[in-house]
C-alpha atoms as a PDB file:
ATOM      1  CA  MET A   1      89.206  97.939  73.977  1.00  0.00           C
ATOM      2  CA  ALA A   2      85.696  97.272  75.269  1.00  0.00           C
ATOM      3  CA  LEU A   3      84.630  93.703  75.904  1.00  0.00           C
ATOM      4  CA  HIS A   4      81.816  92.157  73.871  1.00  0.00           C
ATOM      5  CA  TRP A   5      79.528  90.725  76.547  1.00  0.00           C
ATOM      6  CA  PHE A   6      76.869  88.062  76.078  1.00  0.00           C
ATOM      7  CA  ASP A   7      74.302  86.386  78.310  1.00  0.00           C
ATOM      8  CA  PRO A   8      73.907  83.577  79.182  1.00  0.00           C
ATOM      9  CA  SER A   9      77.509  82.503  79.526  1.00  0.00           C
ATOM     10  CA  ALA A  10      78.816  79.848  77.148  1.00  0.00           C
ATOM     11  CA  PRO A  11      80.947  76.769  77.842  1.00  0.00           C
ATOM     12  CA  VAL A  12      84.425  76.897  76.286  1.00  0.00           C
ATOM     13  CA  ARG A  13      86.990  74.094  76.350  1.00  0.00           C
ATOM     14  CA  THR A  14      90.389  75.051  77.686  1.00  0.00           C
ATOM     15  CA  ASP A  15      93.885  73.826  76.896  1.00  0.00           C
ATOM     16  CA  ARG A  16      93.733  71.715  80.079  1.00  0.00           C
ATOM     17  CA  PRO A  17      92.263  68.264  79.292  1.00  0.00           C
ATOM     18  CA  GLY A  18      88.754  67.832  80.633  1.00  0.00           C
ATOM     19  CA  LEU A  19      88.385  71.437  81.777  1.00  0.00           C
ATOM     20  CA  THR A  20      85.582  73.571  80.398  1.00  0.00           C
ATOM     21  CA  ILE A  21      84.902  77.081  81.669  1.00  0.00           C
ATOM     22  CA  ASN A  22      81.849  79.280  81.285  1.00  0.00           C
ATOM     23  CA  VAL A  23      82.655  82.647  79.750  1.00  0.00           C
ATOM     24  CA  ASN A  24      80.491  85.688  79.211  1.00  0.00           C
ATOM     25  CA  ASN A  25      82.512  87.708  76.722  1.00  0.00           C
ATOM     26  CA  VAL A  26      83.870  87.137  73.242  1.00  0.00           C
ATOM     27  CA  GLU A  27      87.456  88.094  74.025  1.00  0.00           C
ATOM     28  CA  THR A  28      87.859  85.460  76.758  1.00  0.00           C
ATOM     29  CA  ALA A  29      86.192  82.830  74.573  1.00  0.00           C
ATOM     30  CA  ALA A  30      88.571  83.599  71.694  1.00  0.00           C
ATOM     31  CA  GLN A  31      91.593  83.614  73.995  1.00  0.00           C
ATOM     32  CA  GLU A  32      90.741  80.161  75.353  1.00  0.00           C
ATOM     33  CA  LEU A  33      89.880  78.745  71.920  1.00  0.00           C
ATOM     34  CA  LEU A  34      93.225  79.873  70.504  1.00  0.00           C
ATOM     35  CA  LYS A  35      95.180  78.121  73.289  1.00  0.00           C
ATOM     36  CA  VAL A  36      94.125  74.568  72.416  1.00  0.00           C
ATOM     37  CA  ASP A  37      96.576  72.222  70.683  1.00  0.00           C
ATOM     38  CA  GLN A  38      94.016  70.521  68.485  1.00  0.00           C
ATOM     39  CA  ALA A  39      90.729  71.611  67.009  1.00  0.00           C
ATOM     40  CA  TRP A  40      87.455  69.753  67.415  1.00  0.00           C
ATOM     41  CA  PRO A  41      84.716  69.642  64.753  1.00  0.00           C
ATOM     42  CA  LYS A  42      83.158  73.070  65.429  1.00  0.00           C
ATOM     43  CA  TRP A  43      86.325  74.826  66.653  1.00  0.00           C
ATOM     44  CA  LYS A  44      86.912  76.754  63.430  1.00  0.00           C
ATOM     45  CA  GLN A  45      83.329  78.028  63.374  1.00  0.00           C
ATOM     46  CA  ALA A  46      83.586  79.104  67.016  1.00  0.00           C
ATOM     47  CA  VAL A  47      86.845  81.001  66.390  1.00  0.00           C
ATOM     48  CA  GLU A  48      85.462  82.670  63.256  1.00  0.00           C
ATOM     49  CA  THR A  49      82.349  83.721  65.185  1.00  0.00           C
ATOM     50  CA  CYS A  50      84.458  85.268  67.947  1.00  0.00           C
ATOM     51  CA  MET A  51      86.658  87.107  65.457  1.00  0.00           C
ATOM     52  CA  ALA A  52      83.592  88.415  63.577  1.00  0.00           C
ATOM     53  CA  ALA A  53      82.178  89.761  66.841  1.00  0.00           C
ATOM     54  CA  VAL A  54      85.431  91.494  67.764  1.00  0.00           C
ATOM     55  CA  GLU A  55      85.661  93.051  64.306  1.00  0.00           C
ATOM     56  CA  GLY A  56      81.965  93.995  64.314  1.00  0.00           C
ATOM     57  CA  ASP A  57      81.400  91.951  61.172  1.00  0.00           C
ATOM     58  CA  GLY A  58      77.862  90.626  60.714  1.00  0.00           C
ATOM     59  CA  HIS A  59      75.612  88.685  63.031  1.00  0.00           C
ATOM     60  CA  LEU A  60      76.773  86.148  65.564  1.00  0.00           C
ATOM     61  CA  ARG A  61      75.889  82.499  65.205  1.00  0.00           C
ATOM     62  CA  VAL A  62      75.182  80.022  67.955  1.00  0.00           C
ATOM     63  CA  VAL A  63      77.533  77.052  67.892  1.00  0.00           C
ATOM     64  CA  CYS A  64      75.820  74.034  69.484  1.00  0.00           C
ATOM     65  CA  GLY A  65      74.316  76.192  72.215  1.00  0.00           C
ATOM     66  CA  GLY A  66      77.643  77.801  73.040  1.00  0.00           C
ATOM     67  CA  VAL A  67      81.137  78.365  71.827  1.00  0.00           C
ATOM     68  CA  GLU A  68      82.302  74.925  72.905  1.00  0.00           C
ATOM     69  CA  GLY A  69      81.386  73.165  69.682  1.00  0.00           C
ATOM     70  CA  GLY A  70      82.095  69.606  70.739  1.00  0.00           C
ATOM     71  CA  THR A  71      78.575  68.532  71.635  1.00  0.00           C
ATOM     72  CA  GLY A  72      76.946  68.179  68.269  1.00  0.00           C
END
């Protein structure tokens, strides 16, 4: 399966406390988002956006400037 690239990269929280990584494709963002034990306020929107991109469903939305979701 081809990766869904985006630029600029987006910050994504990881399952390791305090660690955020910058990713540049939807698949890696979704993989990291699905590893976390607890969701933050915009987590669901970020996951739904990643899944929509993978499935080719509609337009992508920006979540607080990235896929992280915890900043706003």
